[in-house]
Amino acid sequence: MSSLEVRELEAFLVLAEELHFGRTGERLYVSQSRVSQLLRSLEGRIGAPLVERTSRRVSLTPLGESFLASLRPAYEALRSAVDEARAAARGVGGVLRIGFQGTVDDALAQAVALFQDRCPTCAIEVAEIALSDPFGPVRRKEVDCAVVLLPVAEDDLVLGPVFSRQPQTLAVSARHPLAARESVSAEELADCRLIGVHDSAPGYWRRVQAPRETPGGRPIPAGPLVNTLQEGLSLAAADRGAMLLCRSTAEHHSGRASLAFVPVEGLPDSLLGLVLRRDTVTPQARAFAQAVGETLAR
């Protein structure tokens, strides 16, 4: 394909996300009229409209929806092939910035080591991500990718390898009535005030980290809201509420005498996933995602 044809495809893909010619032009660093020109040229090649435009809204035609479904994976595969070829030709250098929530477990540490072996000239920076802002650092390009608690349902982000399936654990004050128990059932959470996350995090994500009701439908009282893991653990130690954690995070903090960590039976396991931006995945992030996937497959 010529460069003009590729630009037409890029314009269509971005317009399909934004459904706004002005914002599409801003993302592509071209004028709104240039976006229209590229779209008309692409529609001319195909022979039918892909987009319906009125004074109020922009939407895809049925053909446009079908074309988008076929084009997006093909375009991503093409871009990935080019990125990988470039990286192989000159070696992946620069900086890989990884964000993470919770703790860096063995699987993630092995993936970092594998990436470093393959890309010795690439520096690695690791930054902890606040519980209340799981997707913001990736979205703002403060990090190239992030290891975050699932679920992830963000249109502008891509979920890569999923790993670290861990049972849930309840962090409570050492003085709490449940502190001496070997385990608790999910239904007993109705007798606890669960520490939650501030509403800067998406609602669907917060409700998984601090459920509002037990699997049997009993309401779970809401406890205080926090921004960070350390805030939550401090409140739990002060007996202001209880906090759900994955087992590996609980084990990492098990030396704190003011806290007890009690396994919870009957809740879905906690999962971590690697999240990347949909529109601009760096070669470093792509290579790291491959290293994570290969580490998990061993």
C-alpha atoms as a PDB file:
ATOM      1  CA  MET A   1       0.000   0.000   0.000  1.00  0.00           C
ATOM      2  CA  SER A   2       1.129   3.541  -0.635  1.00  0.00           C
ATOM      3  CA  SER A   3       1.597   5.956   2.261  1.00  0.00           C
ATOM      4  CA  LEU A   4      -1.578   7.772   1.237  1.00  0.00           C
ATOM      5  CA  GLU A   5      -3.636   4.584   1.550  1.00  0.00           C
ATOM      6  CA  VAL A   6      -2.223   3.858   4.993  1.00  0.00           C
ATOM      7  CA  ARG A   7      -3.084   7.401   6.082  1.00  0.00           C
ATOM      8  CA  GLU A   8      -6.643   6.867   4.847  1.00  0.00           C
ATOM      9  CA  LEU A   9      -6.952   3.760   6.978  1.00  0.00           C
ATOM     10  CA  GLU A  10      -5.521   5.555  10.016  1.00  0.00           C
ATOM     11  CA  ALA A  11      -8.006   8.396   9.545  1.00  0.00           C
ATOM     12  CA  PHE A  12     -10.912   5.960   9.377  1.00  0.00           C
ATOM     13  CA  LEU A  13      -9.776   4.032  12.461  1.00  0.00           C
ATOM     14  CA  VAL A  14      -9.400   7.162  14.568  1.00  0.00           C
ATOM     15  CA  LEU A  15     -12.692   8.604  13.283  1.00  0.00           C
ATOM     16  CA  ALA A  16     -14.423   5.341  14.212  1.00  0.00           C
ATOM     17  CA  GLU A  17     -13.234   5.854  17.795  1.00  0.00           C
ATOM     18  CA  GLU A  18     -13.871   9.587  18.101  1.00  0.00           C
ATOM     19  CA  LEU A  19     -16.969   9.946  15.861  1.00  0.00           C
ATOM     20  CA  HIS A  20     -15.917  13.576  15.543  1.00  0.00           C
ATOM     21  CA  PHE A  21     -13.924  15.075  12.650  1.00  0.00           C
ATOM     22  CA  GLY A  22     -12.329  17.799  14.756  1.00  0.00           C
ATOM     23  CA  ARG A  23     -11.001  15.456  17.443  1.00  0.00           C
ATOM     24  CA  THR A  24      -9.832  13.028  14.768  1.00  0.00           C
ATOM     25  CA  GLY A  25      -7.826  15.806  13.135  1.00  0.00           C
ATOM     26  CA  GLU A  26      -6.282  16.740  16.484  1.00  0.00           C
ATOM     27  CA  ARG A  27      -5.142  13.186  17.107  1.00  0.00           C
ATOM     28  CA  LEU A  28      -3.672  12.872  13.611  1.00  0.00           C
ATOM     29  CA  TYR A  29      -2.200  16.408  13.620  1.00  0.00           C
ATOM     30  CA  VAL A  30      -4.085  17.355  10.460  1.00  0.00           C
ATOM     31  CA  SER A  31      -6.968  19.689   9.716  1.00  0.00           C
ATOM     32  CA  GLN A  32     -10.611  18.661   9.877  1.00  0.00           C
ATOM     33  CA  SER A  33     -10.905  19.149   6.120  1.00  0.00           C
ATOM     34  CA  ARG A  34      -7.944  16.813   5.595  1.00  0.00           C
ATOM     35  CA  VAL A  35      -9.752  14.109   7.593  1.00  0.00           C
ATOM     36  CA  SER A  36     -12.788  14.555   5.339  1.00  0.00           C
ATOM     37  CA  GLN A  37     -10.581  14.334   2.265  1.00  0.00           C
ATOM     38  CA  LEU A  38      -8.927  11.131   3.447  1.00  0.00           C
ATOM     39  CA  LEU A  39     -12.290   9.567   4.260  1.00  0.00           C
ATOM     40  CA  ARG A  40     -13.778  10.497   0.873  1.00  0.00           C
ATOM     41  CA  SER A  41     -10.771   8.982  -0.859  1.00  0.00           C
ATOM     42  CA  LEU A  42     -11.121   5.743   1.113  1.00  0.00           C
ATOM     43  CA  GLU A  43     -14.867   5.581   0.427  1.00  0.00           C
ATOM     44  CA  GLY A  44     -14.099   6.130  -3.245  1.00  0.00           C
ATOM     45  CA  ARG A  45     -11.723   3.178  -3.272  1.00  0.00           C
ATOM     46  CA  ILE A  46     -14.325   0.971  -1.568  1.00  0.00           C
ATOM     47  CA  GLY A  47     -17.266   2.232  -3.577  1.00  0.00           C
ATOM     48  CA  ALA A  48     -19.743   3.001  -0.787  1.00  0.00           C
ATOM     49  CA  PRO A  49     -20.091   5.298   2.263  1.00  0.00           C
ATOM     50  CA  LEU A  50     -18.460   4.149   5.481  1.00  0.00           C
ATOM     51  CA  VAL A  51     -19.641   7.057   7.639  1.00  0.00           C
ATOM     52  CA  GLU A  52     -22.939   8.913   7.963  1.00  0.00           C
ATOM     53  CA  ARG A  53     -22.505  12.634   8.675  1.00  0.00           C
ATOM     54  CA  THR A  54     -25.208  15.062   9.792  1.00  0.00           C
ATOM     55  CA  SER A  55     -25.011  18.448  11.490  1.00  0.00           C
ATOM     56  CA  ARG A  56     -25.541  16.738  14.855  1.00  0.00           C
ATOM     57  CA  ARG A  57     -23.693  13.444  14.778  1.00  0.00           C
ATOM     58  CA  VAL A  58     -21.244  11.148  13.053  1.00  0.00           C
ATOM     59  CA  SER A  59     -21.873   7.403  12.898  1.00  0.00           C
ATOM     60  CA  LEU A  60     -20.650   4.395  10.972  1.00  0.00           C
ATOM     61  CA  THR A  61     -22.776   2.824   8.279  1.00  0.00           C
ATOM     62  CA  PRO A  62     -23.384  -0.943   8.490  1.00  0.00           C
ATOM     63  CA  LEU A  63     -20.628  -1.353   5.903  1.00  0.00           C
ATOM     64  CA  GLY A  64     -18.403   0.887   7.988  1.00  0.00           C
ATOM     65  CA  GLU A  65     -19.009  -1.256  11.088  1.00  0.00           C
ATOM     66  CA  SER A  66     -18.175  -4.420   9.138  1.00  0.00           C
ATOM     67  CA  PHE A  67     -15.074  -2.835   7.607  1.00  0.00           C
ATOM     68  CA  LEU A  68     -13.895  -1.630  11.028  1.00  0.00           C
ATOM     69  CA  ALA A  69     -14.219  -5.118  12.532  1.00  0.00           C
ATOM     70  CA  SER A  70     -12.026  -6.563   9.772  1.00  0.00           C
ATOM     71  CA  LEU A  71      -9.589  -3.673   9.512  1.00  0.00           C
ATOM     72  CA  ARG A  72      -8.674  -3.120  13.159  1.00  0.00           C
ATOM     73  CA  PRO A  73      -6.981  -6.502  13.857  1.00  0.00           C
ATOM     74  CA  ALA A  74      -5.307  -6.461  10.438  1.00  0.00           C
ATOM     75  CA  TYR A  75      -3.952  -2.955  10.989  1.00  0.00           C
ATOM     76  CA  GLU A  76      -2.720  -3.808  14.497  1.00  0.00           C
ATOM     77  CA  ALA A  77      -0.959  -6.890  13.141  1.00  0.00           C
ATOM     78  CA  LEU A  78       0.687  -4.819  10.404  1.00  0.00           C
ATOM     79  CA  ARG A  79       1.844  -2.172  12.865  1.00  0.00           C
ATOM     80  CA  SER A  80       3.107  -4.850  15.248  1.00  0.00           C
ATOM     81  CA  ALA A  81       5.108  -6.506  12.470  1.00  0.00           C
ATOM     82  CA  VAL A  82       6.728  -3.198  11.525  1.00  0.00           C
ATOM     83  CA  ASP A  83       7.517  -2.341  15.169  1.00  0.00           C
ATOM     84  CA  GLU A  84       9.039  -5.763  15.793  1.00  0.00           C
ATOM     85  CA  ALA A  85      11.137  -5.574  12.629  1.00  0.00           C
ATOM     86  CA  ARG A  86      12.427  -2.138  13.593  1.00  0.00           C
ATOM     87  CA  ALA A  87      13.218  -3.299  17.116  1.00  0.00           C
ATOM     88  CA  ALA A  88      15.028  -6.380  15.827  1.00  0.00           C
ATOM     89  CA  ALA A  89      17.019  -4.296  13.352  1.00  0.00           C
ATOM     90  CA  ARG A  90      18.356  -1.811  15.854  1.00  0.00           C
ATOM     91  CA  GLY A  91      17.749  -3.486  19.208  1.00  0.00           C
ATOM     92  CA  VAL A  92      15.156  -2.171  21.656  1.00  0.00           C
ATOM     93  CA  GLY A  93      16.775   0.659  23.571  1.00  0.00           C
ATOM     94  CA  GLY A  94      15.417   3.691  25.349  1.00  0.00           C
ATOM     95  CA  VAL A  95      13.320   3.345  28.497  1.00  0.00           C
ATOM     96  CA  LEU A  96      10.508   0.996  29.492  1.00  0.00           C
ATOM     97  CA  ARG A  97       8.273   2.507  32.182  1.00  0.00           C
ATOM     98  CA  ILE A  98       6.182  -0.103  33.998  1.00  0.00           C
ATOM     99  CA  GLY A  99       3.427   0.834  36.420  1.00  0.00           C
ATOM    100  CA  PHE A 100       2.104  -1.682  38.924  1.00  0.00           C
ATOM    101  CA  GLN A 101      -0.476  -2.145  41.644  1.00  0.00           C
ATOM    102  CA  GLY A 102       0.119  -4.397  44.637  1.00  0.00           C
ATOM    103  CA  THR A 103       3.433  -6.264  44.713  1.00  0.00           C
ATOM    104  CA  VAL A 104       5.848  -7.513  42.058  1.00  0.00           C
ATOM    105  CA  ASP A 105       5.463 -11.308  42.275  1.00  0.00           C
ATOM    106  CA  ASP A 106       7.771 -14.018  40.920  1.00  0.00           C
ATOM    107  CA  ALA A 107       6.080 -14.244  37.506  1.00  0.00           C
ATOM    108  CA  LEU A 108       6.388 -10.512  36.917  1.00  0.00           C
ATOM    109  CA  ALA A 109       9.973 -10.475  38.167  1.00  0.00           C
ATOM    110  CA  GLN A 110      10.839 -13.295  35.747  1.00  0.00           C
ATOM    111  CA  ALA A 111       9.229 -11.403  32.873  1.00  0.00           C
ATOM    112  CA  VAL A 112      11.260  -8.295  33.720  1.00  0.00           C
ATOM    113  CA  ALA A 113      14.443 -10.394  33.788  1.00  0.00           C
ATOM    114  CA  LEU A 114      13.604 -12.000  30.418  1.00  0.00           C
ATOM    115  CA  PHE A 115      12.926  -8.600  28.870  1.00  0.00           C
ATOM    116  CA  GLN A 116      16.197  -7.241  30.245  1.00  0.00           C
ATOM    117  CA  ASP A 117      18.140 -10.202  28.827  1.00  0.00           C
ATOM    118  CA  ARG A 118      16.646  -9.579  25.393  1.00  0.00           C
ATOM    119  CA  CYS A 119      16.902  -5.800  25.513  1.00  0.00           C
ATOM    120  CA  PRO A 120      20.033  -5.055  27.560  1.00  0.00           C
ATOM    121  CA  THR A 121      20.272  -1.464  26.309  1.00  0.00           C
ATOM    122  CA  CYS A 122      16.753  -0.600  27.489  1.00  0.00           C
ATOM    123  CA  ALA A 123      16.510   0.981  30.926  1.00  0.00           C
ATOM    124  CA  ILE A 124      13.581  -0.108  33.113  1.00  0.00           C
ATOM    125  CA  GLU A 125      11.709   2.247  35.405  1.00  0.00           C
ATOM    126  CA  VAL A 126       9.063   0.930  37.803  1.00  0.00           C
ATOM    127  CA  ALA A 127       6.393   3.131  39.393  1.00  0.00           C
ATOM    128  CA  GLU A 128       3.668   2.186  41.860  1.00  0.00           C
ATOM    129  CA  ILE A 129       0.143   3.080  40.742  1.00  0.00           C
ATOM    130  CA  ALA A 130      -2.440   4.339  43.207  1.00  0.00           C
ATOM    131  CA  LEU A 131      -5.478   2.162  43.811  1.00  0.00           C
ATOM    132  CA  SER A 132      -7.733   5.106  43.012  1.00  0.00           C
ATOM    133  CA  ASP A 133      -6.159   5.677  39.570  1.00  0.00           C
ATOM    134  CA  PRO A 134      -5.570   2.266  37.974  1.00  0.00           C
ATOM    135  CA  PHE A 135      -5.687   3.401  34.344  1.00  0.00           C
ATOM    136  CA  GLY A 136      -4.713   7.079  34.503  1.00  0.00           C
ATOM    137  CA  PRO A 137      -0.909   6.697  34.328  1.00  0.00           C
ATOM    138  CA  VAL A 138      -1.154   4.614  31.136  1.00  0.00           C
ATOM    139  CA  ARG A 139      -3.726   6.956  29.643  1.00  0.00           C
ATOM    140  CA  ARG A 140      -1.597  10.030  30.451  1.00  0.00           C
ATOM    141  CA  LYS A 141       1.517   8.276  29.070  1.00  0.00           C
ATOM    142  CA  GLU A 142       3.288   8.486  32.412  1.00  0.00           C
ATOM    143  CA  VAL A 143       4.052   4.770  31.964  1.00  0.00           C
ATOM    144  CA  ASP A 144       4.247   2.618  28.825  1.00  0.00           C
ATOM    145  CA  CYS A 145       2.240  -0.225  30.351  1.00  0.00           C
ATOM    146  CA  ALA A 146       0.819  -1.140  33.726  1.00  0.00           C
ATOM    147  CA  VAL A 147       0.136  -4.233  35.795  1.00  0.00           C
ATOM    148  CA  VAL A 148      -3.263  -3.596  37.381  1.00  0.00           C
ATOM    149  CA  LEU A 149      -6.022  -5.429  39.158  1.00  0.00           C
ATOM    150  CA  LEU A 150      -8.792  -6.646  36.873  1.00  0.00           C
ATOM    151  CA  PRO A 151     -11.356  -6.071  35.487  1.00  0.00           C
ATOM    152  CA  VAL A 152     -10.442  -3.664  32.667  1.00  0.00           C
ATOM    153  CA  ALA A 153     -13.204  -2.326  30.406  1.00  0.00           C
ATOM    154  CA  GLU A 154     -11.716   0.859  28.928  1.00  0.00           C
ATOM    155  CA  ASP A 155     -12.209   1.556  25.213  1.00  0.00           C
ATOM    156  CA  ASP A 156      -8.852   3.308  24.806  1.00  0.00           C
ATOM    157  CA  LEU A 157      -6.823   0.570  26.542  1.00  0.00           C
ATOM    158  CA  VAL A 158      -5.830  -2.953  25.540  1.00  0.00           C
ATOM    159  CA  LEU A 159      -5.610  -5.849  27.991  1.00  0.00           C
ATOM    160  CA  GLY A 160      -2.511  -7.968  27.413  1.00  0.00           C
ATOM    161  CA  PRO A 161      -1.474 -11.106  29.330  1.00  0.00           C
ATOM    162  CA  VAL A 162      -3.532 -11.943  32.429  1.00  0.00           C
ATOM    163  CA  PHE A 163      -1.706 -13.568  35.310  1.00  0.00           C
ATOM    164  CA  SER A 164      -1.235 -13.898  39.096  1.00  0.00           C
ATOM    165  CA  ARG A 165      -4.531 -15.630  39.877  1.00  0.00           C
ATOM    166  CA  GLN A 166      -4.667 -15.348  43.673  1.00  0.00           C
ATOM    167  CA  PRO A 167      -7.251 -16.207  46.358  1.00  0.00           C
ATOM    168  CA  GLN A 168      -8.723 -13.266  48.221  1.00  0.00           C
ATOM    169  CA  THR A 169      -7.566 -12.386  51.734  1.00  0.00           C
ATOM    170  CA  LEU A 170      -9.165 -10.079  54.296  1.00  0.00           C
ATOM    171  CA  ALA A 171      -6.872  -7.617  56.084  1.00  0.00           C
ATOM    172  CA  VAL A 172      -8.201  -6.764  59.546  1.00  0.00           C
ATOM    173  CA  SER A 173      -6.845  -5.251  62.726  1.00  0.00           C
ATOM    174  CA  ALA A 174      -5.061  -7.697  65.013  1.00  0.00           C
ATOM    175  CA  ARG A 175      -7.791  -6.754  67.529  1.00  0.00           C
ATOM    176  CA  HIS A 176     -10.644  -7.639  65.154  1.00  0.00           C
ATOM    177  CA  PRO A 177     -12.902 -10.604  66.123  1.00  0.00           C
ATOM    178  CA  LEU A 178     -11.986 -12.352  62.845  1.00  0.00           C
ATOM    179  CA  ALA A 179      -8.235 -11.924  63.318  1.00  0.00           C
ATOM    180  CA  ALA A 180      -7.755 -15.344  64.955  1.00  0.00           C
ATOM    181  CA  ARG A 181      -9.808 -17.256  62.382  1.00  0.00           C
ATOM    182  CA  GLU A 182      -8.158 -19.643  59.898  1.00  0.00           C
ATOM    183  CA  SER A 183     -10.605 -18.477  57.210  1.00  0.00           C
ATOM    184  CA  VAL A 184     -13.881 -16.647  56.713  1.00  0.00           C
ATOM    185  CA  SER A 185     -16.677 -17.205  54.236  1.00  0.00           C
ATOM    186  CA  ALA A 186     -17.710 -14.622  51.684  1.00  0.00           C
ATOM    187  CA  GLU A 187     -21.087 -14.379  53.422  1.00  0.00           C
ATOM    188  CA  GLU A 188     -19.380 -13.223  56.626  1.00  0.00           C
ATOM    189  CA  LEU A 189     -18.246 -10.070  54.822  1.00  0.00           C
ATOM    190  CA  ALA A 190     -21.740  -8.780  55.581  1.00  0.00           C
ATOM    191  CA  ASP A 191     -20.513  -8.370  59.162  1.00  0.00           C
ATOM    192  CA  CYS A 192     -17.518  -6.220  58.120  1.00  0.00           C
ATOM    193  CA  ARG A 193     -17.103  -2.640  56.929  1.00  0.00           C
ATOM    194  CA  LEU A 194     -15.150  -3.028  53.706  1.00  0.00           C
ATOM    195  CA  ILE A 195     -12.594  -0.338  52.903  1.00  0.00           C
ATOM    196  CA  GLY A 196     -13.204   0.916  49.381  1.00  0.00           C
ATOM    197  CA  VAL A 197     -11.464   3.007  46.744  1.00  0.00           C
ATOM    198  CA  HIS A 198     -12.166   6.665  45.976  1.00  0.00           C
ATOM    199  CA  ASP A 199     -14.460   7.296  43.029  1.00  0.00           C
ATOM    200  CA  SER A 200     -11.726   8.548  40.709  1.00  0.00           C
ATOM    201  CA  ALA A 201     -11.449   4.848  39.764  1.00  0.00           C
ATOM    202  CA  PRO A 202     -14.239   3.462  37.521  1.00  0.00           C
ATOM    203  CA  GLY A 203     -17.306   2.257  39.365  1.00  0.00           C
ATOM    204  CA  TYR A 204     -17.282  -1.253  37.891  1.00  0.00           C
ATOM    205  CA  TRP A 205     -13.641  -1.658  39.000  1.00  0.00           C
ATOM    206  CA  ARG A 206     -14.255  -0.350  42.536  1.00  0.00           C
ATOM    207  CA  ARG A 207     -17.196  -2.710  43.057  1.00  0.00           C
ATOM    208  CA  VAL A 208     -14.964  -5.719  42.335  1.00  0.00           C
ATOM    209  CA  GLN A 209     -12.274  -4.588  44.797  1.00  0.00           C
ATOM    210  CA  ALA A 210     -14.869  -3.846  47.494  1.00  0.00           C
ATOM    211  CA  PRO A 211     -18.163  -5.668  46.724  1.00  0.00           C
ATOM    212  CA  ARG A 212     -21.420  -4.131  47.885  1.00  0.00           C
ATOM    213  CA  GLU A 213     -23.056  -7.477  48.623  1.00  0.00           C
ATOM    214  CA  THR A 214     -22.091 -11.078  49.302  1.00  0.00           C
ATOM    215  CA  PRO A 215     -22.565 -13.834  46.674  1.00  0.00           C
ATOM    216  CA  GLY A 216     -25.764 -14.718  48.545  1.00  0.00           C
ATOM    217  CA  GLY A 217     -27.102 -11.160  48.262  1.00  0.00           C
ATOM    218  CA  ARG A 218     -26.444  -9.877  51.797  1.00  0.00           C
ATOM    219  CA  PRO A 219     -25.420  -6.199  51.814  1.00  0.00           C
ATOM    220  CA  ILE A 220     -21.833  -5.451  52.847  1.00  0.00           C
ATOM    221  CA  PRO A 221     -21.419  -2.226  54.860  1.00  0.00           C
ATOM    222  CA  ALA A 222     -19.218   0.377  53.198  1.00  0.00           C
ATOM    223  CA  GLY A 223     -16.118   1.476  55.056  1.00  0.00           C
ATOM    224  CA  PRO A 224     -13.859   4.493  54.454  1.00  0.00           C
ATOM    225  CA  LEU A 225     -12.469   5.234  50.990  1.00  0.00           C
ATOM    226  CA  VAL A 226      -8.747   5.348  50.227  1.00  0.00           C
ATOM    227  CA  ASN A 227      -6.417   6.355  47.422  1.00  0.00           C
ATOM    228  CA  THR A 228      -3.552   3.962  48.097  1.00  0.00           C
ATOM    229  CA  LEU A 229      -2.881   0.493  49.429  1.00  0.00           C
ATOM    230  CA  GLN A 230      -0.918   1.897  52.356  1.00  0.00           C
ATOM    231  CA  GLU A 231      -3.848   4.122  53.348  1.00  0.00           C
ATOM    232  CA  GLY A 232      -6.110   1.076  53.341  1.00  0.00           C
ATOM    233  CA  LEU A 233      -3.743  -1.034  55.420  1.00  0.00           C
ATOM    234  CA  SER A 234      -3.319   1.801  57.924  1.00  0.00           C
ATOM    235  CA  LEU A 235      -7.093   2.128  58.337  1.00  0.00           C
ATOM    236  CA  ALA A 236      -7.442  -1.642  58.709  1.00  0.00           C
ATOM    237  CA  ALA A 237      -4.711  -1.651  61.386  1.00  0.00           C
ATOM    238  CA  ALA A 238      -6.623   1.088  63.230  1.00  0.00           C
ATOM    239  CA  ASP A 239      -9.766  -1.108  63.079  1.00  0.00           C
ATOM    240  CA  ARG A 240     -11.603   1.386  60.869  1.00  0.00           C
ATOM    241  CA  GLY A 241     -12.605  -1.356  58.445  1.00  0.00           C
ATOM    242  CA  ALA A 242     -11.458  -4.488  56.635  1.00  0.00           C
ATOM    243  CA  MET A 243      -9.756  -4.595  53.233  1.00  0.00           C
ATOM    244  CA  LEU A 244      -9.706  -7.293  50.542  1.00  0.00           C
ATOM    245  CA  LEU A 245      -6.265  -8.138  49.135  1.00  0.00           C
ATOM    246  CA  CYS A 246      -4.821 -10.867  46.962  1.00  0.00           C
ATOM    247  CA  ARG A 247      -2.803 -13.509  48.800  1.00  0.00           C
ATOM    248  CA  SER A 248       0.612 -12.390  47.472  1.00  0.00           C
ATOM    249  CA  THR A 249       0.048  -8.803  48.643  1.00  0.00           C
ATOM    250  CA  ALA A 250      -1.098 -10.079  52.033  1.00  0.00           C
ATOM    251  CA  GLU A 251       2.004 -12.265  52.344  1.00  0.00           C
ATOM    252  CA  HIS A 252       4.210  -9.287  51.458  1.00  0.00           C
ATOM    253  CA  HIS A 253       2.762  -7.353  54.424  1.00  0.00           C
ATOM    254  CA  SER A 254       2.427 -10.289  56.823  1.00  0.00           C
ATOM    255  CA  GLY A 255       5.154  -8.966  59.116  1.00  0.00           C
ATOM    256  CA  ARG A 256       2.982  -6.102  60.369  1.00  0.00           C
ATOM    257  CA  ALA A 257       2.024  -7.005  63.935  1.00  0.00           C
ATOM    258  CA  SER A 258      -0.966  -4.641  63.906  1.00  0.00           C
ATOM    259  CA  LEU A 259      -2.653  -6.561  61.079  1.00  0.00           C
ATOM    260  CA  ALA A 260      -4.041 -10.035  60.512  1.00  0.00           C
ATOM    261  CA  PHE A 261      -4.669 -11.547  57.077  1.00  0.00           C
ATOM    262  CA  VAL A 262      -7.475 -14.085  56.876  1.00  0.00           C
ATOM    263  CA  PRO A 263      -8.247 -16.155  53.732  1.00  0.00           C
ATOM    264  CA  VAL A 264     -11.733 -15.608  52.291  1.00  0.00           C
ATOM    265  CA  GLU A 265     -13.614 -18.584  50.849  1.00  0.00           C
ATOM    266  CA  GLY A 266     -16.300 -18.150  48.203  1.00  0.00           C
ATOM    267  CA  LEU A 267     -15.050 -15.084  46.314  1.00  0.00           C
ATOM    268  CA  PRO A 268     -13.637 -15.065  42.766  1.00  0.00           C
ATOM    269  CA  ASP A 269      -9.849 -15.030  42.652  1.00  0.00           C
ATOM    270  CA  SER A 270      -8.000 -11.746  42.243  1.00  0.00           C
ATOM    271  CA  LEU A 271      -6.317 -11.287  38.848  1.00  0.00           C
ATOM    272  CA  LEU A 272      -3.673  -8.970  37.465  1.00  0.00           C
ATOM    273  CA  GLY A 273      -3.364  -7.972  33.825  1.00  0.00           C
ATOM    274  CA  LEU A 274      -0.961  -5.995  31.687  1.00  0.00           C
ATOM    275  CA  VAL A 275      -2.648  -2.890  30.266  1.00  0.00           C
ATOM    276  CA  LEU A 276      -1.391  -0.897  27.271  1.00  0.00           C
ATOM    277  CA  ARG A 277      -2.691   2.048  25.269  1.00  0.00           C
ATOM    278  CA  ARG A 278      -4.701   1.053  22.213  1.00  0.00           C
ATOM    279  CA  ASP A 279      -3.456   3.811  19.918  1.00  0.00           C
ATOM    280  CA  THR A 280       0.275   4.009  20.712  1.00  0.00           C
ATOM    281  CA  VAL A 281       1.985   0.890  22.003  1.00  0.00           C
ATOM    282  CA  THR A 282       5.732   1.511  22.232  1.00  0.00           C
ATOM    283  CA  PRO A 283       8.178  -1.139  20.946  1.00  0.00           C
ATOM    284  CA  GLN A 284       9.461  -1.458  24.520  1.00  0.00           C
ATOM    285  CA  ALA A 285       5.966  -2.148  25.887  1.00  0.00           C
ATOM    286  CA  ARG A 286       5.222  -4.587  23.073  1.00  0.00           C
ATOM    287  CA  ALA A 287       8.451  -6.496  23.770  1.00  0.00           C
ATOM    288  CA  PHE A 288       7.665  -6.583  27.487  1.00  0.00           C
ATOM    289  CA  ALA A 289       4.142  -7.904  26.844  1.00  0.00           C
ATOM    290  CA  GLN A 290       5.698 -10.696  24.781  1.00  0.00           C
ATOM    291  CA  ALA A 291       8.108 -11.485  27.613  1.00  0.00           C
ATOM    292  CA  VAL A 292       5.206 -11.659  30.091  1.00  0.00           C
ATOM    293  CA  GLY A 293       3.258 -13.979  27.801  1.00  0.00           C
ATOM    294  CA  GLU A 294       6.232 -16.283  27.309  1.00  0.00           C
ATOM    295  CA  THR A 295       6.944 -16.356  31.052  1.00  0.00           C
ATOM    296  CA  LEU A 296       3.367 -17.412  31.786  1.00  0.00           C
ATOM    297  CA  ALA A 297       3.469 -20.122  29.122  1.00  0.00           C
ATOM    298  CA  ARG A 298       6.432 -21.884  30.757  1.00  0.00           C
END
